[in-house]
Amino acid sequence: MTDGTTWLADRQSIAFGGYHVVLARGLSPRGLAERLAATLLYDAEHIVVPVGDHTGTTLLELMDDDYDIGLRLGSEGAWAYAVAYGGWQGAFGPLTPVSRDGAQVCLLEYEEENGKPVPPRFACFHDGRLLAAFNLHLDRSWGHEKVEGDPATATRLRERLTAAGLPDPERNQREVHRAALGVVGEFFGLSLPRDAIVSGTLPAVSLEPA
């Protein structure tokens, strides 16, 4: 039995500040990290620098500045994944180019401590095009509550959300978040190993100026 992705809806499920996880099918964990480094919205080009195996806590301790970004890398089934630490909020550009050459790439992100507040979001890309994207609170905050993307994929995903009773404005937002994660996890076949990410050690890299 896999851990799925619904555990990301727990408070501070990965680290203070929320979570930024990218999963990719058709890429190695290192290949995913290199493509993510190329999307950073900084003037300087960034490269991937291995820093050994780390827990989330020890990786944060290793980083010199709050704005530094590190990734812990792994794989679960057919999916490679990268979990971001440090100043990832607003640092990465669109993931469309990460999905080039036939890769499928999914983003799960929540700026939990942003005072705006910003809702959690999901997006999936395949071979340079958007398959599906939506606000996991399924409300009108920060954009429309509907699923956008490839018409056929978006329609099927909306049908799954409806079957799960979503959207439901009467339900607690955290429970909506959890339920929406369950739908996208099942729909796209996503899972993340909770123990390895929360308390285990994983190979880690720092994204540093070239």
N, C-alpha and C. Protein backbone atom coordinates (compact mmCIF):
# COMPACT_ATOMS: atom_id res chain seq x y z
N MET A 1 0.84 -1.19 0.00
CA MET A 1 0.00 0.00 0.00
C MET A 1 0.88 1.24 0.00
N THR A 2 0.56 2.21 -0.87
CA THR A 2 1.36 3.42 -0.95
C THR A 2 0.81 4.49 0.00
N ASP A 3 1.61 5.54 0.21
CA ASP A 3 1.20 6.62 1.11
C ASP A 3 0.30 7.65 0.44
N GLY A 4 0.18 7.60 -0.89
CA GLY A 4 -0.63 8.60 -1.58
C GLY A 4 -0.05 9.99 -1.43
N THR A 5 -0.91 10.99 -1.55
CA THR A 5 -0.47 12.39 -1.39
C THR A 5 -1.34 13.16 -0.41
N THR A 6 -2.40 12.55 0.12
CA THR A 6 -3.32 13.30 0.98
C THR A 6 -2.67 13.80 2.26
N TRP A 7 -1.59 13.16 2.69
CA TRP A 7 -0.91 13.59 3.92
C TRP A 7 -0.29 14.99 3.77
N LEU A 8 -0.13 15.46 2.54
CA LEU A 8 0.39 16.82 2.36
C LEU A 8 -0.55 17.88 2.93
N ALA A 9 -1.82 17.54 3.11
CA ALA A 9 -2.78 18.49 3.65
C ALA A 9 -2.62 18.69 5.16
N ASP A 10 -1.83 17.85 5.84
CA ASP A 10 -1.58 18.05 7.27
C ASP A 10 -0.84 19.37 7.49
N ARG A 11 -1.07 19.99 8.62
CA ARG A 11 -0.38 21.24 8.92
C ARG A 11 1.13 21.02 8.96
N GLN A 12 1.88 21.90 8.26
CA GLN A 12 3.34 21.80 8.18
C GLN A 12 3.74 20.35 7.86
N SER A 13 3.13 19.80 6.85
CA SER A 13 3.33 18.38 6.52
C SER A 13 4.78 18.05 6.18
N ILE A 14 5.48 19.00 5.56
CA ILE A 14 6.89 18.78 5.21
C ILE A 14 7.79 19.74 5.98
N ALA A 15 7.45 21.02 5.99
CA ALA A 15 8.27 22.01 6.68
C ALA A 15 7.44 23.24 6.96
N PHE A 16 7.92 24.09 7.86
CA PHE A 16 7.26 25.37 8.09
C PHE A 16 7.25 26.14 6.77
N GLY A 17 6.13 26.75 6.45
CA GLY A 17 6.04 27.53 5.22
C GLY A 17 5.29 26.83 4.12
N GLY A 18 5.04 25.52 4.29
CA GLY A 18 4.27 24.79 3.28
C GLY A 18 5.09 23.77 2.54
N TYR A 19 4.65 23.43 1.34
CA TYR A 19 5.34 22.41 0.55
C TYR A 19 5.40 22.80 -0.91
N HIS A 20 6.47 22.37 -1.57
CA HIS A 20 6.64 22.53 -3.02
C HIS A 20 7.26 21.22 -3.50
N VAL A 21 6.43 20.40 -4.13
CA VAL A 21 6.87 19.08 -4.59
C VAL A 21 6.60 18.97 -6.08
N VAL A 22 7.60 18.49 -6.82
CA VAL A 22 7.44 18.24 -8.25
C VAL A 22 7.71 16.76 -8.49
N LEU A 23 6.78 16.11 -9.18
CA LEU A 23 6.93 14.70 -9.56
C LEU A 23 7.06 14.62 -11.07
N ALA A 24 7.87 13.70 -11.54
CA ALA A 24 8.07 13.57 -12.99
C ALA A 24 8.16 12.11 -13.39
N ARG A 25 7.48 11.78 -14.47
CA ARG A 25 7.58 10.44 -15.06
C ARG A 25 8.30 10.60 -16.39
N GLY A 26 9.36 9.80 -16.59
CA GLY A 26 10.18 9.93 -17.78
C GLY A 26 11.47 10.68 -17.53
N LEU A 27 11.75 11.01 -16.26
CA LEU A 27 13.00 11.68 -15.87
C LEU A 27 13.57 10.98 -14.65
N SER A 28 14.89 11.01 -14.52
CA SER A 28 15.53 10.56 -13.29
C SER A 28 15.42 11.68 -12.25
N PRO A 29 15.61 11.37 -10.95
CA PRO A 29 15.61 12.44 -9.96
C PRO A 29 16.64 13.52 -10.28
N ARG A 30 17.83 13.15 -10.70
CA ARG A 30 18.86 14.15 -11.03
C ARG A 30 18.43 14.96 -12.26
N GLY A 31 17.89 14.28 -13.26
CA GLY A 31 17.43 14.99 -14.45
C GLY A 31 16.33 15.98 -14.12
N LEU A 32 15.43 15.60 -13.22
CA LEU A 32 14.37 16.51 -12.77
C LEU A 32 14.98 17.73 -12.09
N ALA A 33 15.95 17.51 -11.20
CA ALA A 33 16.59 18.62 -10.50
C ALA A 33 17.25 19.59 -11.47
N GLU A 34 17.91 19.06 -12.48
CA GLU A 34 18.58 19.92 -13.45
C GLU A 34 17.59 20.76 -14.25
N ARG A 35 16.46 20.16 -14.61
CA ARG A 35 15.45 20.93 -15.33
C ARG A 35 14.81 21.99 -14.43
N LEU A 36 14.61 21.66 -13.17
CA LEU A 36 14.05 22.65 -12.25
C LEU A 36 15.01 23.81 -12.04
N ALA A 37 16.31 23.53 -11.95
CA ALA A 37 17.29 24.60 -11.79
C ALA A 37 17.23 25.59 -12.94
N ALA A 38 16.93 25.08 -14.13
CA ALA A 38 16.87 25.95 -15.32
C ALA A 38 15.64 26.84 -15.32
N THR A 39 14.65 26.55 -14.46
CA THR A 39 13.43 27.38 -14.43
C THR A 39 13.49 28.49 -13.39
N LEU A 40 14.56 28.54 -12.58
CA LEU A 40 14.63 29.55 -11.53
C LEU A 40 14.57 30.96 -12.11
N LEU A 41 13.78 31.81 -11.47
CA LEU A 41 13.57 33.17 -11.97
C LEU A 41 14.63 34.12 -11.43
N TYR A 42 15.88 33.78 -11.63
CA TYR A 42 17.00 34.62 -11.21
C TYR A 42 17.79 35.04 -12.44
N ASP A 43 18.56 36.13 -12.30
CA ASP A 43 19.37 36.58 -13.42
C ASP A 43 20.47 35.58 -13.76
N ALA A 44 21.05 34.99 -12.73
CA ALA A 44 22.15 34.07 -12.94
C ALA A 44 21.65 32.67 -13.27
N GLU A 45 22.39 31.97 -14.12
CA GLU A 45 22.11 30.56 -14.37
C GLU A 45 22.47 29.76 -13.12
N HIS A 46 21.67 28.76 -12.79
CA HIS A 46 21.92 27.94 -11.62
C HIS A 46 22.24 26.51 -12.03
N ILE A 47 23.07 25.86 -11.21
CA ILE A 47 23.44 24.48 -11.44
C ILE A 47 23.10 23.65 -10.21
N VAL A 48 23.08 22.35 -10.40
CA VAL A 48 22.75 21.41 -9.34
C VAL A 48 24.05 20.93 -8.69
N VAL A 49 24.16 21.14 -7.37
CA VAL A 49 25.36 20.74 -6.63
C VAL A 49 24.98 19.69 -5.58
N PRO A 50 25.42 18.43 -5.72
CA PRO A 50 25.09 17.41 -4.72
C PRO A 50 25.70 17.77 -3.36
N VAL A 51 24.93 17.56 -2.30
CA VAL A 51 25.42 17.88 -0.94
C VAL A 51 25.27 16.70 0.01
N GLY A 52 25.08 15.49 -0.54
CA GLY A 52 24.98 14.31 0.30
C GLY A 52 23.55 13.98 0.69
N ASP A 53 23.40 13.00 1.57
CA ASP A 53 22.08 12.58 2.03
C ASP A 53 21.67 13.42 3.24
N HIS A 54 20.41 13.86 3.24
CA HIS A 54 19.94 14.75 4.31
C HIS A 54 18.50 14.50 4.67
N THR A 55 18.17 14.80 5.91
CA THR A 55 16.78 15.00 6.30
C THR A 55 16.41 16.43 5.89
N GLY A 56 15.13 16.76 5.99
CA GLY A 56 14.73 18.12 5.71
C GLY A 56 15.40 19.10 6.66
N THR A 57 15.50 18.72 7.93
CA THR A 57 16.10 19.60 8.94
C THR A 57 17.57 19.84 8.67
N THR A 58 18.34 18.78 8.36
CA THR A 58 19.77 18.98 8.16
C THR A 58 20.07 19.72 6.86
N LEU A 59 19.19 19.56 5.85
CA LEU A 59 19.40 20.32 4.62
C LEU A 59 19.19 21.80 4.88
N LEU A 60 18.16 22.15 5.65
CA LEU A 60 17.93 23.56 5.98
C LEU A 60 19.09 24.13 6.80
N GLU A 61 19.64 23.32 7.70
CA GLU A 61 20.78 23.78 8.50
C GLU A 61 22.01 24.02 7.64
N LEU A 62 22.15 23.23 6.57
CA LEU A 62 23.30 23.36 5.68
C LEU A 62 23.24 24.64 4.85
N MET A 63 22.05 25.09 4.53
CA MET A 63 21.89 26.25 3.65
C MET A 63 22.21 27.53 4.42
N ASP A 64 23.00 28.40 3.78
CA ASP A 64 23.52 29.59 4.46
C ASP A 64 22.50 30.71 4.57
N ASP A 65 21.55 30.78 3.67
CA ASP A 65 20.67 31.94 3.56
C ASP A 65 19.23 31.47 3.40
N ASP A 66 18.30 32.27 3.95
CA ASP A 66 16.89 31.91 3.84
C ASP A 66 16.42 31.83 2.40
N TYR A 67 17.14 32.51 1.49
CA TYR A 67 16.72 32.54 0.09
C TYR A 67 17.37 31.42 -0.74
N ASP A 68 18.31 30.68 -0.14
CA ASP A 68 18.88 29.53 -0.83
C ASP A 68 17.80 28.47 -1.04
N ILE A 69 17.98 27.66 -2.07
CA ILE A 69 17.03 26.61 -2.35
C ILE A 69 17.76 25.27 -2.44
N GLY A 70 17.24 24.30 -1.73
CA GLY A 70 17.75 22.94 -1.80
C GLY A 70 16.64 21.99 -2.21
N LEU A 71 17.00 20.86 -2.76
CA LEU A 71 16.03 19.84 -3.14
C LEU A 71 16.44 18.50 -2.55
N ARG A 72 15.50 17.76 -2.00
CA ARG A 72 15.72 16.37 -1.66
C ARG A 72 15.04 15.53 -2.73
N LEU A 73 15.73 14.50 -3.18
CA LEU A 73 15.33 13.76 -4.38
C LEU A 73 15.05 12.30 -4.07
N GLY A 74 14.13 11.73 -4.83
CA GLY A 74 13.84 10.31 -4.67
C GLY A 74 12.94 9.83 -5.78
N SER A 75 12.44 8.61 -5.64
CA SER A 75 11.52 8.06 -6.62
C SER A 75 10.52 7.16 -5.90
N GLU A 76 9.34 7.08 -6.46
CA GLU A 76 8.27 6.24 -5.95
C GLU A 76 7.57 5.64 -7.16
N GLY A 77 7.74 4.35 -7.38
CA GLY A 77 7.18 3.74 -8.57
C GLY A 77 7.81 4.34 -9.83
N ALA A 78 6.98 4.74 -10.76
CA ALA A 78 7.46 5.30 -12.02
C ALA A 78 7.80 6.78 -11.93
N TRP A 79 7.57 7.38 -10.76
CA TRP A 79 7.72 8.82 -10.62
C TRP A 79 8.98 9.19 -9.85
N ALA A 80 9.78 10.10 -10.41
CA ALA A 80 10.84 10.77 -9.65
C ALA A 80 10.20 11.95 -8.94
N TYR A 81 10.78 12.36 -7.82
CA TYR A 81 10.22 13.54 -7.14
C TYR A 81 11.35 14.42 -6.58
N ALA A 82 11.04 15.70 -6.45
CA ALA A 82 11.94 16.68 -5.86
C ALA A 82 11.15 17.51 -4.86
N VAL A 83 11.63 17.56 -3.62
CA VAL A 83 10.98 18.32 -2.56
C VAL A 83 11.86 19.53 -2.27
N ALA A 84 11.27 20.73 -2.35
CA ALA A 84 12.06 21.96 -2.21
C ALA A 84 12.10 22.44 -0.76
N TYR A 85 13.24 23.04 -0.40
CA TYR A 85 13.45 23.62 0.93
C TYR A 85 14.10 24.98 0.77
N GLY A 86 13.84 25.86 1.74
CA GLY A 86 14.43 27.19 1.69
C GLY A 86 13.51 28.19 1.02
N GLY A 87 14.09 29.09 0.22
CA GLY A 87 13.32 30.18 -0.37
C GLY A 87 12.68 29.84 -1.69
N TRP A 88 11.89 28.78 -1.74
CA TRP A 88 11.30 28.34 -3.00
C TRP A 88 10.08 29.16 -3.41
N GLN A 89 9.48 29.89 -2.45
CA GLN A 89 8.23 30.60 -2.75
C GLN A 89 8.46 31.63 -3.86
N GLY A 90 7.78 31.47 -4.97
CA GLY A 90 7.87 32.39 -6.09
C GLY A 90 9.17 32.32 -6.87
N ALA A 91 10.01 31.33 -6.58
CA ALA A 91 11.33 31.29 -7.21
C ALA A 91 11.35 30.55 -8.55
N PHE A 92 10.41 29.65 -8.77
CA PHE A 92 10.43 28.82 -9.98
C PHE A 92 9.45 29.36 -11.02
N GLY A 93 9.88 29.31 -12.27
CA GLY A 93 9.02 29.69 -13.38
C GLY A 93 8.12 28.55 -13.80
N PRO A 94 7.40 28.69 -14.91
CA PRO A 94 6.49 27.65 -15.39
C PRO A 94 7.21 26.32 -15.61
N LEU A 95 6.47 25.24 -15.35
CA LEU A 95 7.04 23.90 -15.50
C LEU A 95 6.86 23.34 -16.91
N THR A 96 6.25 24.10 -17.79
CA THR A 96 6.04 23.61 -19.16
C THR A 96 7.32 23.07 -19.78
N PRO A 97 8.46 23.82 -19.74
CA PRO A 97 9.67 23.28 -20.36
C PRO A 97 10.25 22.06 -19.65
N VAL A 98 9.93 21.89 -18.37
CA VAL A 98 10.42 20.71 -17.64
C VAL A 98 9.81 19.43 -18.23
N SER A 99 8.62 19.56 -18.83
CA SER A 99 7.92 18.39 -19.37
C SER A 99 8.25 18.12 -20.84
N ARG A 100 9.29 18.76 -21.37
CA ARG A 100 9.62 18.56 -22.78
C ARG A 100 10.07 17.12 -23.03
N ASP A 101 10.11 16.76 -24.30
CA ASP A 101 10.61 15.45 -24.74
C ASP A 101 9.84 14.29 -24.13
N GLY A 102 8.53 14.49 -23.95
CA GLY A 102 7.67 13.39 -23.53
C GLY A 102 7.53 13.17 -22.04
N ALA A 103 8.17 14.00 -21.20
CA ALA A 103 8.04 13.82 -19.76
C ALA A 103 6.67 14.29 -19.27
N GLN A 104 6.20 13.69 -18.21
CA GLN A 104 4.99 14.15 -17.53
C GLN A 104 5.40 14.69 -16.17
N VAL A 105 4.97 15.90 -15.85
CA VAL A 105 5.43 16.59 -14.66
C VAL A 105 4.24 17.13 -13.89
N CYS A 106 4.19 16.88 -12.59
CA CYS A 106 3.10 17.36 -11.74
C CYS A 106 3.66 18.22 -10.61
N LEU A 107 2.99 19.33 -10.34
CA LEU A 107 3.35 20.23 -9.26
C LEU A 107 2.30 20.17 -8.17
N LEU A 108 2.75 20.04 -6.93
CA LEU A 108 1.91 20.17 -5.75
C LEU A 108 2.56 21.25 -4.89
N GLU A 109 1.83 22.32 -4.62
CA GLU A 109 2.44 23.46 -3.92
C GLU A 109 1.45 24.14 -2.98
N TYR A 110 1.95 24.54 -1.81
CA TYR A 110 1.11 25.27 -0.85
C TYR A 110 2.00 26.20 -0.03
N GLU A 111 1.80 27.51 -0.17
CA GLU A 111 2.48 28.50 0.66
C GLU A 111 1.65 28.68 1.93
N GLU A 112 1.83 27.77 2.84
CA GLU A 112 0.96 27.66 4.02
C GLU A 112 1.02 28.88 4.94
N GLU A 113 2.16 29.52 5.03
CA GLU A 113 2.32 30.65 5.94
C GLU A 113 2.18 32.00 5.25
N ASN A 114 1.80 31.99 3.97
CA ASN A 114 1.59 33.26 3.27
C ASN A 114 0.33 33.91 3.81
N GLY A 115 0.41 35.18 4.23
CA GLY A 115 -0.73 35.84 4.83
C GLY A 115 -1.79 36.30 3.88
N LYS A 116 -1.66 36.02 2.59
CA LYS A 116 -2.59 36.55 1.58
C LYS A 116 -4.06 36.15 1.78
N PRO A 117 -4.43 34.86 1.96
CA PRO A 117 -3.63 33.63 1.89
C PRO A 117 -3.70 33.02 0.48
N VAL A 118 -2.66 32.31 0.12
CA VAL A 118 -2.59 31.65 -1.19
C VAL A 118 -3.10 30.22 -1.03
N PRO A 119 -4.04 29.78 -1.87
CA PRO A 119 -4.52 28.40 -1.74
C PRO A 119 -3.50 27.41 -2.28
N PRO A 120 -3.60 26.14 -1.85
CA PRO A 120 -2.74 25.11 -2.46
C PRO A 120 -3.13 24.94 -3.92
N ARG A 121 -2.18 24.49 -4.73
CA ARG A 121 -2.49 24.34 -6.15
C ARG A 121 -1.85 23.07 -6.71
N PHE A 122 -2.44 22.63 -7.78
CA PHE A 122 -1.96 21.46 -8.52
C PHE A 122 -1.88 21.82 -9.99
N ALA A 123 -0.85 21.31 -10.68
CA ALA A 123 -0.75 21.47 -12.13
C ALA A 123 -0.03 20.25 -12.69
N CYS A 124 -0.43 19.83 -13.88
CA CYS A 124 0.21 18.70 -14.54
C CYS A 124 0.47 19.05 -15.99
N PHE A 125 1.67 18.75 -16.45
CA PHE A 125 2.10 19.05 -17.81
C PHE A 125 2.61 17.76 -18.46
N HIS A 126 2.44 17.69 -19.77
CA HIS A 126 2.99 16.55 -20.52
C HIS A 126 3.51 17.03 -21.86
N ASP A 127 4.78 16.75 -22.10
CA ASP A 127 5.39 17.06 -23.39
C ASP A 127 5.17 18.52 -23.81
N GLY A 128 5.35 19.43 -22.86
CA GLY A 128 5.29 20.85 -23.17
C GLY A 128 3.91 21.47 -23.19
N ARG A 129 2.89 20.75 -22.72
CA ARG A 129 1.55 21.34 -22.70
C ARG A 129 0.87 21.06 -21.37
N LEU A 130 -0.03 21.96 -21.00
CA LEU A 130 -0.76 21.83 -19.74
C LEU A 130 -1.88 20.80 -19.89
N LEU A 131 -1.90 19.81 -19.01
CA LEU A 131 -2.99 18.85 -18.98
C LEU A 131 -4.11 19.30 -18.04
N ALA A 132 -3.72 19.76 -16.84
CA ALA A 132 -4.73 20.16 -15.86
C ALA A 132 -4.09 21.04 -14.79
N ALA A 133 -4.86 22.01 -14.31
CA ALA A 133 -4.40 22.87 -13.22
C ALA A 133 -5.61 23.43 -12.50
N PHE A 134 -5.52 23.48 -11.15
CA PHE A 134 -6.60 24.11 -10.40
C PHE A 134 -6.17 24.39 -8.97
N ASN A 135 -6.94 25.26 -8.34
CA ASN A 135 -6.78 25.65 -6.95
C ASN A 135 -7.40 24.53 -6.09
N LEU A 136 -6.60 23.94 -5.21
CA LEU A 136 -7.05 22.77 -4.44
C LEU A 136 -8.08 23.10 -3.37
N HIS A 137 -8.32 24.39 -3.12
CA HIS A 137 -9.43 24.75 -2.24
C HIS A 137 -10.75 24.81 -3.03
N LEU A 138 -10.62 24.78 -4.36
CA LEU A 138 -11.79 24.78 -5.24
C LEU A 138 -12.75 25.93 -4.93
N ASP A 139 -12.16 27.12 -4.65
CA ASP A 139 -12.97 28.31 -4.45
C ASP A 139 -12.51 29.37 -5.44
N ARG A 140 -13.06 30.57 -5.33
CA ARG A 140 -12.75 31.61 -6.30
C ARG A 140 -11.53 32.44 -5.92
N SER A 141 -10.86 32.10 -4.82
CA SER A 141 -9.68 32.86 -4.42
C SER A 141 -8.53 32.59 -5.38
N TRP A 142 -7.81 33.62 -5.73
CA TRP A 142 -6.63 33.50 -6.57
C TRP A 142 -6.92 32.76 -7.87
N GLY A 143 -7.98 33.13 -8.53
CA GLY A 143 -8.30 32.50 -9.80
C GLY A 143 -9.55 31.66 -9.71
N HIS A 144 -9.94 31.12 -10.81
CA HIS A 144 -11.18 30.34 -10.87
C HIS A 144 -11.02 29.01 -10.14
N GLU A 145 -12.16 28.52 -9.67
CA GLU A 145 -12.16 27.25 -8.96
C GLU A 145 -12.20 26.05 -9.91
N LYS A 146 -12.45 26.29 -11.18
CA LYS A 146 -12.59 25.18 -12.10
C LYS A 146 -11.23 24.62 -12.55
N VAL A 147 -11.25 23.40 -13.06
CA VAL A 147 -10.05 22.78 -13.61
C VAL A 147 -9.83 23.34 -15.01
N GLU A 148 -8.60 23.77 -15.29
CA GLU A 148 -8.24 24.27 -16.60
C GLU A 148 -7.23 23.32 -17.24
N GLY A 149 -7.05 23.45 -18.56
CA GLY A 149 -6.06 22.63 -19.25
C GLY A 149 -6.63 21.94 -20.47
N ASP A 150 -6.06 20.80 -20.81
CA ASP A 150 -6.53 20.01 -21.94
C ASP A 150 -8.01 19.67 -21.73
N PRO A 151 -8.88 20.00 -22.68
CA PRO A 151 -10.32 19.84 -22.46
C PRO A 151 -10.72 18.43 -22.02
N ALA A 152 -10.20 17.41 -22.68
CA ALA A 152 -10.60 16.04 -22.33
C ALA A 152 -10.13 15.68 -20.93
N THR A 153 -8.87 16.00 -20.61
CA THR A 153 -8.33 15.68 -19.28
C THR A 153 -9.05 16.48 -18.20
N ALA A 154 -9.23 17.78 -18.44
CA ALA A 154 -9.89 18.64 -17.45
C ALA A 154 -11.31 18.18 -17.18
N THR A 155 -12.02 17.77 -18.22
CA THR A 155 -13.40 17.31 -18.05
C THR A 155 -13.45 16.05 -17.19
N ARG A 156 -12.58 15.09 -17.47
CA ARG A 156 -12.57 13.85 -16.68
C ARG A 156 -12.19 14.11 -15.23
N LEU A 157 -11.25 15.02 -15.02
CA LEU A 157 -10.84 15.34 -13.66
C LEU A 157 -11.96 16.06 -12.92
N ARG A 158 -12.66 16.97 -13.58
CA ARG A 158 -13.80 17.64 -12.95
C ARG A 158 -14.87 16.63 -12.55
N GLU A 159 -15.08 15.63 -13.39
CA GLU A 159 -16.07 14.60 -13.07
C GLU A 159 -15.66 13.82 -11.82
N ARG A 160 -14.36 13.54 -11.68
CA ARG A 160 -13.87 12.84 -10.48
C ARG A 160 -14.06 13.71 -9.22
N LEU A 161 -13.78 15.00 -9.36
CA LEU A 161 -13.95 15.91 -8.22
C LEU A 161 -15.43 15.99 -7.83
N THR A 162 -16.30 16.06 -8.82
CA THR A 162 -17.74 16.10 -8.53
C THR A 162 -18.18 14.83 -7.82
N ALA A 163 -17.69 13.69 -8.27
CA ALA A 163 -18.04 12.41 -7.64
C ALA A 163 -17.57 12.35 -6.19
N ALA A 164 -16.51 13.10 -5.87
CA ALA A 164 -15.98 13.16 -4.50
C ALA A 164 -16.68 14.23 -3.66
N GLY A 165 -17.72 14.86 -4.23
CA GLY A 165 -18.47 15.87 -3.50
C GLY A 165 -17.84 17.24 -3.50
N LEU A 166 -16.98 17.51 -4.47
CA LEU A 166 -16.28 18.79 -4.55
C LEU A 166 -16.72 19.56 -5.80
N PRO A 167 -16.78 20.89 -5.72
CA PRO A 167 -16.49 21.71 -4.54
C PRO A 167 -17.61 21.65 -3.49
N ASP A 168 -17.23 21.93 -2.25
CA ASP A 168 -18.19 21.94 -1.15
C ASP A 168 -17.85 23.12 -0.24
N PRO A 169 -18.52 24.27 -0.43
CA PRO A 169 -18.19 25.47 0.35
C PRO A 169 -18.48 25.32 1.84
N GLU A 170 -19.24 24.30 2.21
CA GLU A 170 -19.54 24.10 3.63
C GLU A 170 -18.47 23.29 4.34
N ARG A 171 -17.61 22.66 3.59
CA ARG A 171 -16.59 21.80 4.19
C ARG A 171 -15.38 22.61 4.60
N ASN A 172 -14.70 22.21 5.68
CA ASN A 172 -13.45 22.83 6.13
C ASN A 172 -12.42 22.82 5.00
N GLN A 173 -11.69 23.94 4.84
CA GLN A 173 -10.74 24.03 3.73
C GLN A 173 -9.68 22.96 3.77
N ARG A 174 -9.21 22.60 4.94
CA ARG A 174 -8.18 21.56 5.01
C ARG A 174 -8.73 20.22 4.53
N GLU A 175 -9.99 19.95 4.83
CA GLU A 175 -10.58 18.71 4.37
C GLU A 175 -10.83 18.73 2.86
N VAL A 176 -11.18 19.90 2.32
CA VAL A 176 -11.30 20.03 0.86
C VAL A 176 -9.94 19.81 0.21
N HIS A 177 -8.91 20.41 0.79
CA HIS A 177 -7.53 20.25 0.33
C HIS A 177 -7.16 18.77 0.30
N ARG A 178 -7.46 18.07 1.40
CA ARG A 178 -7.12 16.65 1.50
C ARG A 178 -7.89 15.83 0.46
N ALA A 179 -9.18 16.11 0.33
CA ALA A 179 -9.99 15.36 -0.62
C ALA A 179 -9.54 15.60 -2.06
N ALA A 180 -9.20 16.86 -2.38
CA ALA A 180 -8.73 17.17 -3.73
C ALA A 180 -7.41 16.49 -4.03
N LEU A 181 -6.52 16.44 -3.05
CA LEU A 181 -5.26 15.71 -3.22
C LEU A 181 -5.53 14.23 -3.50
N GLY A 182 -6.52 13.67 -2.81
CA GLY A 182 -6.85 12.27 -3.04
C GLY A 182 -7.35 12.02 -4.45
N VAL A 183 -8.13 12.96 -4.98
CA VAL A 183 -8.64 12.81 -6.33
C VAL A 183 -7.51 12.88 -7.36
N VAL A 184 -6.65 13.90 -7.26
CA VAL A 184 -5.58 14.02 -8.26
C VAL A 184 -4.57 12.89 -8.11
N GLY A 185 -4.33 12.46 -6.87
CA GLY A 185 -3.41 11.35 -6.67
C GLY A 185 -3.89 10.09 -7.35
N GLU A 186 -5.17 9.78 -7.19
CA GLU A 186 -5.73 8.59 -7.83
C GLU A 186 -5.81 8.76 -9.35
N PHE A 187 -6.20 9.95 -9.79
CA PHE A 187 -6.38 10.20 -11.22
C PHE A 187 -5.07 10.06 -11.99
N PHE A 188 -3.99 10.62 -11.43
CA PHE A 188 -2.71 10.60 -12.13
C PHE A 188 -1.76 9.51 -11.62
N GLY A 189 -2.17 8.76 -10.62
CA GLY A 189 -1.33 7.69 -10.10
C GLY A 189 -0.14 8.20 -9.30
N LEU A 190 -0.36 9.23 -8.47
CA LEU A 190 0.72 9.85 -7.71
C LEU A 190 0.80 9.30 -6.30
N SER A 191 2.02 9.19 -5.79
CA SER A 191 2.23 8.81 -4.40
C SER A 191 3.58 9.34 -3.95
N LEU A 192 3.66 9.69 -2.68
CA LEU A 192 4.92 10.15 -2.08
C LEU A 192 5.16 9.39 -0.79
N PRO A 193 6.39 8.92 -0.55
CA PRO A 193 6.70 8.16 0.66
C PRO A 193 6.82 9.08 1.88
N ARG A 194 5.81 9.07 2.71
CA ARG A 194 5.75 10.03 3.82
C ARG A 194 6.93 9.90 4.77
N ASP A 195 7.23 8.70 5.25
CA ASP A 195 8.29 8.54 6.24
C ASP A 195 9.64 8.98 5.68
N ALA A 196 9.94 8.61 4.43
CA ALA A 196 11.22 8.99 3.83
C ALA A 196 11.36 10.51 3.74
N ILE A 197 10.25 11.19 3.40
CA ILE A 197 10.31 12.63 3.23
C ILE A 197 10.29 13.37 4.57
N VAL A 198 9.45 12.92 5.49
CA VAL A 198 9.29 13.64 6.75
C VAL A 198 10.43 13.37 7.72
N SER A 199 10.85 12.11 7.85
CA SER A 199 11.83 11.79 8.88
C SER A 199 13.05 11.03 8.38
N GLY A 200 13.06 10.61 7.13
CA GLY A 200 14.19 9.86 6.61
C GLY A 200 15.24 10.75 5.96
N THR A 201 16.27 10.10 5.44
CA THR A 201 17.30 10.81 4.69
C THR A 201 17.15 10.49 3.21
N LEU A 202 17.42 11.50 2.38
CA LEU A 202 17.34 11.36 0.94
C LEU A 202 18.50 12.10 0.30
N PRO A 203 18.92 11.69 -0.90
CA PRO A 203 19.95 12.46 -1.60
C PRO A 203 19.47 13.91 -1.79
N ALA A 204 20.36 14.85 -1.56
CA ALA A 204 20.00 16.27 -1.64
C ALA A 204 20.96 17.03 -2.52
N VAL A 205 20.43 18.11 -3.09
CA VAL A 205 21.26 19.00 -3.92
C VAL A 205 20.94 20.44 -3.54
N SER A 206 21.89 21.30 -3.79
CA SER A 206 21.71 22.74 -3.65
C SER A 206 21.67 23.35 -5.05
N LEU A 207 20.78 24.31 -5.26
CA LEU A 207 20.72 25.01 -6.54
C LEU A 207 21.53 26.29 -6.40
N GLU A 208 22.69 26.32 -7.07
CA GLU A 208 23.65 27.41 -6.86
C GLU A 208 23.98 28.11 -8.17
N PRO A 209 24.32 29.42 -8.11
CA PRO A 209 24.72 30.13 -9.32
C PRO A 209 25.89 29.46 -10.00
N ALA A 210 25.84 29.38 -11.32
CA ALA A 210 26.91 28.73 -12.09
C ALA A 210 28.20 29.53 -12.00
